[in-house]
N, C-alpha and C. Protein backbone atom coordinates (compact mmCIF):
# COMPACT_ATOMS: atom_id res chain seq x y z
N UNK A 1 1.05 -1.25 -0.29
CA UNK A 1 -0.04 0.17 0.28
C UNK A 1 1.09 1.13 0.26
N UNK A 2 0.86 2.45 -0.62
CA UNK A 2 1.62 3.19 -0.92
C UNK A 2 0.88 5.10 0.00
N UNK A 3 2.28 5.27 0.53
CA UNK A 3 1.55 6.29 1.66
C UNK A 3 0.61 7.06 1.12
N UNK A 4 0.49 8.12 2.15
CA UNK A 4 -0.40 9.46 1.34
C UNK A 4 0.18 9.95 0.99
N UNK A 5 1.29 10.23 1.68
CA UNK A 5 2.63 11.57 0.88
C UNK A 5 2.72 11.49 -0.61
N UNK A 6 3.18 9.95 -1.06
CA UNK A 6 3.14 9.56 -2.49
C UNK A 6 2.22 9.64 -3.55
N UNK A 7 0.80 9.24 -2.97
CA UNK A 7 -0.19 9.57 -2.83
C UNK A 7 -0.61 11.27 -3.52
N UNK A 8 -0.71 11.89 -2.67
CA UNK A 8 -0.82 13.45 -2.43
C UNK A 8 0.30 14.27 -3.78
N UNK A 9 1.52 13.56 -4.07
CA UNK A 9 2.30 13.97 -4.49
C UNK A 9 2.08 13.64 -5.94
N UNK A 10 1.12 12.45 -5.99
CA UNK A 10 1.34 11.77 -8.01
C UNK A 10 0.33 12.83 -8.22
N UNK A 11 -0.75 12.69 -7.77
CA UNK A 11 -1.86 13.68 -8.34
C UNK A 11 -1.48 15.13 -7.83
N UNK A 12 -0.82 15.45 -7.55
CA UNK A 12 -0.56 16.88 -7.95
C UNK A 12 0.11 17.24 -8.79
N UNK A 13 1.09 16.37 -9.42
CA UNK A 13 1.78 16.32 -10.61
C UNK A 13 0.88 16.06 -11.70
N UNK A 14 -0.13 15.37 -11.22
CA UNK A 14 -1.29 14.75 -12.53
C UNK A 14 -2.26 16.60 -12.88
N UNK A 15 -2.39 17.11 -11.51
CA UNK A 15 -3.10 18.19 -11.88
C UNK A 15 -2.13 19.32 -12.14
N UNK A 16 -0.91 19.48 -11.80
CA UNK A 16 0.15 21.02 -12.49
C UNK A 16 -0.04 20.43 -14.57
N UNK A 17 0.14 19.53 -14.41
CA UNK A 17 -0.10 18.90 -16.02
C UNK A 17 -1.21 19.18 -16.86
N UNK A 18 -2.10 18.99 -16.24
CA UNK A 18 -3.52 19.13 -16.57
C UNK A 18 -3.44 21.07 -16.80
N UNK A 19 -3.26 21.82 -15.57
CA UNK A 19 -2.78 22.88 -15.89
C UNK A 19 -2.43 23.83 -16.75
N UNK A 20 -0.98 22.84 -17.06
CA UNK A 20 -0.11 23.63 -17.94
C UNK A 20 -0.69 23.14 -19.54
N UNK A 21 -1.89 22.04 -19.29
CA UNK A 21 -2.29 21.82 -20.80
C UNK A 21 -3.43 22.94 -21.25
N UNK A 22 -4.03 23.16 -20.11
CA UNK A 22 -5.34 24.23 -20.50
C UNK A 22 -4.76 26.08 -21.18
N UNK A 23 -3.48 25.76 -19.94
CA UNK A 23 -2.77 27.45 -20.12
C UNK A 23 -2.22 27.42 -21.27
N UNK A 24 -1.78 26.51 -21.97
CA UNK A 24 -1.32 26.19 -23.64
C UNK A 24 -1.91 26.22 -24.47
N UNK A 25 -3.49 26.50 -24.53
CA UNK A 25 -4.45 26.04 -25.36
C UNK A 25 -5.62 24.94 -25.60
N UNK A 26 -5.21 23.74 -24.44
CA UNK A 26 -5.63 23.11 -24.79
C UNK A 26 -6.92 22.63 -23.81
N UNK A 27 -7.60 23.14 -23.22
CA UNK A 27 -8.83 23.22 -22.46
C UNK A 27 -9.77 22.93 -23.33
N UNK A 28 -10.48 23.02 -24.72
CA UNK A 28 -11.43 23.22 -25.82
C UNK A 28 -10.93 22.48 -26.68
N UNK A 29 -11.04 21.76 -27.34
CA UNK A 29 -10.60 20.87 -28.85
C UNK A 29 -11.85 20.38 -29.51
N UNK A 30 -11.59 20.03 -30.87
CA UNK A 30 -12.95 19.61 -31.86
C UNK A 30 -12.07 18.01 -32.01
N UNK A 31 -13.21 17.33 -32.22
CA UNK A 31 -12.97 16.03 -33.12
C UNK A 31 -13.98 15.66 -34.15
N UNK A 32 -13.74 16.34 -35.31
CA UNK A 32 -14.71 16.04 -36.24
C UNK A 32 -16.24 16.93 -35.63
N UNK A 33 -17.46 16.66 -35.49
CA UNK A 33 -18.23 17.81 -35.08
C UNK A 33 -18.48 17.81 -33.28
N UNK A 34 -17.95 16.74 -32.84
CA UNK A 34 -17.93 16.62 -31.54
C UNK A 34 -17.28 17.90 -30.78
N UNK A 35 -17.41 18.50 -30.15
CA UNK A 35 -16.44 19.75 -29.08
C UNK A 35 -16.28 18.66 -27.78
N UNK A 36 -14.90 19.15 -27.44
CA UNK A 36 -15.16 17.96 -25.57
C UNK A 36 -14.48 19.46 -25.08
N UNK A 37 -14.24 19.37 -23.81
CA UNK A 37 -13.57 20.76 -22.71
C UNK A 37 -13.26 19.65 -21.91
N UNK A 38 -12.06 20.17 -20.98
CA UNK A 38 -11.29 19.70 -19.93
C UNK A 38 -11.76 20.58 -19.06
N UNK A 39 -11.09 19.82 -18.10
CA UNK A 39 -11.54 20.53 -16.62
C UNK A 39 -11.20 21.91 -16.90
N UNK A 40 -12.32 22.48 -15.59
CA UNK A 40 -12.11 23.88 -15.34
C UNK A 40 -10.95 24.52 -14.52
N UNK A 41 -10.44 25.63 -15.12
CA UNK A 41 -8.98 26.41 -14.82
C UNK A 41 -9.29 26.18 -13.26
N UNK A 42 -10.23 27.01 -13.05
CA UNK A 42 -10.44 27.77 -11.68
C UNK A 42 -10.03 26.44 -10.76
N UNK A 43 -11.29 25.14 -11.23
CA UNK A 43 -11.45 24.40 -9.80
C UNK A 43 -9.65 23.61 -9.73
N UNK A 44 -8.86 23.79 -10.75
CA UNK A 44 -7.73 22.54 -10.92
C UNK A 44 -6.92 23.80 -10.05
N UNK A 45 -6.84 24.89 -10.04
CA UNK A 45 -6.20 25.74 -9.56
C UNK A 45 -6.15 25.72 -7.95
N UNK A 46 -7.23 25.28 -7.67
CA UNK A 46 -8.08 25.34 -6.26
C UNK A 46 -7.75 23.95 -5.63
N UNK A 47 -7.71 23.29 -6.69
CA UNK A 47 -7.11 21.74 -6.25
C UNK A 47 -6.06 21.49 -5.74
N UNK A 48 -4.83 22.60 -7.05
CA UNK A 48 -3.64 22.69 -6.48
C UNK A 48 -3.42 23.13 -5.47
N UNK A 49 -3.59 24.56 -4.88
CA UNK A 49 -3.73 24.93 -3.84
C UNK A 49 -3.42 23.95 -2.45
N UNK A 50 -5.20 23.64 -2.54
CA UNK A 50 -5.85 22.54 -1.69
C UNK A 50 -3.90 21.18 -1.74
N UNK A 51 -3.53 21.00 -2.04
CA UNK A 51 -2.65 19.46 -2.33
C UNK A 51 -1.45 20.05 -1.84
N UNK A 52 -0.99 21.39 -2.66
CA UNK A 52 -0.07 22.31 -1.95
C UNK A 52 0.45 21.89 -0.28
N UNK A 53 -1.18 22.02 0.50
CA UNK A 53 -1.06 22.11 1.81
C UNK A 53 -1.09 21.31 2.62
N UNK A 54 -1.84 20.26 1.59
CA UNK A 54 -1.51 19.06 1.97
C UNK A 54 -0.26 17.82 2.22
N UNK A 55 0.34 18.57 1.51
CA UNK A 55 1.41 17.30 1.13
C UNK A 55 2.47 18.39 2.05
N UNK A 56 2.64 19.61 2.41
CA UNK A 56 3.17 20.55 3.59
C UNK A 56 3.01 20.02 5.04
N UNK A 57 1.82 19.62 5.04
CA UNK A 57 1.19 19.14 6.31
C UNK A 57 1.39 17.53 6.56
N UNK A 58 1.35 16.74 5.30
CA UNK A 58 2.17 15.55 5.58
C UNK A 58 3.59 14.97 6.04
N UNK A 59 4.19 15.92 5.43
CA UNK A 59 5.44 16.25 4.86
C UNK A 59 6.17 16.57 6.66
N UNK A 60 5.35 17.69 6.98
CA UNK A 60 5.84 18.16 8.74
C UNK A 60 5.08 16.56 9.68
N UNK A 61 4.09 15.78 9.73
CA UNK A 61 4.02 15.04 10.21
C UNK A 61 4.65 13.61 10.50
N UNK A 62 5.23 13.82 9.53
CA UNK A 62 6.01 12.56 8.93
C UNK A 62 8.06 12.78 9.52
N UNK A 63 7.85 14.69 9.97
CA UNK A 63 9.14 14.91 10.66
C UNK A 63 9.52 15.38 12.24
N UNK A 64 7.80 14.96 12.40
CA UNK A 64 7.89 14.95 13.80
C UNK A 64 7.23 15.96 14.53
N UNK A 65 6.63 17.50 12.88
CA UNK A 65 6.50 18.64 13.33
C UNK A 65 4.79 18.56 13.25
N UNK A 66 4.43 17.78 13.39
CA UNK A 66 2.81 17.90 13.42
C UNK A 66 1.95 18.90 13.96
N UNK A 67 1.14 19.14 13.98
CA UNK A 67 -0.09 20.70 13.63
C UNK A 67 -0.34 20.50 15.50
N UNK A 68 -0.26 19.32 15.56
CA UNK A 68 -0.99 19.26 17.46
C UNK A 68 0.25 18.66 18.59
N UNK A 69 1.31 18.76 17.68
CA UNK A 69 2.55 18.52 18.88
C UNK A 69 2.27 19.26 19.99
N UNK A 70 2.35 19.03 21.12
CA UNK A 70 2.48 20.37 22.33
C UNK A 70 3.86 20.71 22.71
N UNK A 71 4.33 21.56 23.03
CA UNK A 71 6.07 22.22 23.16
C UNK A 71 6.42 22.43 24.46
N UNK A 72 5.15 23.10 25.22
CA UNK A 72 5.51 22.86 26.17
C UNK A 72 3.69 23.52 27.08
N UNK A 73 3.78 23.62 28.71
CA UNK A 73 2.38 23.43 29.35
C UNK A 73 2.84 24.85 30.17
N UNK A 74 2.48 25.99 30.55
CA UNK A 74 2.11 26.79 31.04
C UNK A 74 1.16 26.70 32.41
N UNK A 75 1.72 25.98 33.34
CA UNK A 75 0.53 26.16 34.57
C UNK A 75 -0.21 27.28 34.90
N UNK A 76 -1.34 27.56 35.15
CA UNK A 76 -2.43 28.86 35.99
C UNK A 76 -2.73 28.73 36.98
N UNK A 77 -2.72 29.16 37.76
CA UNK A 77 -3.83 28.85 38.95
C UNK A 77 -5.06 29.88 38.49
N UNK A 78 -6.58 29.64 38.20
CA UNK A 78 -7.23 30.44 38.15
C UNK A 78 -8.12 30.44 39.50
């Protein structure tokens, strides 16, 4: 079973390729009388940003710098 970080990185690469294809004029194309449209650029860009955040989170978890790590506790008497 592949780990989550590898899966996120592969998916990220595919979305970057899709974005590049759309930016280079490949969003819509015709074959005969049929017209085809690839993914929406806005959705792809949002997904890329989401995947970048998830990759950063997974990398920090693997380095022991997870979001919920306790660094110190200050006791207070209320």
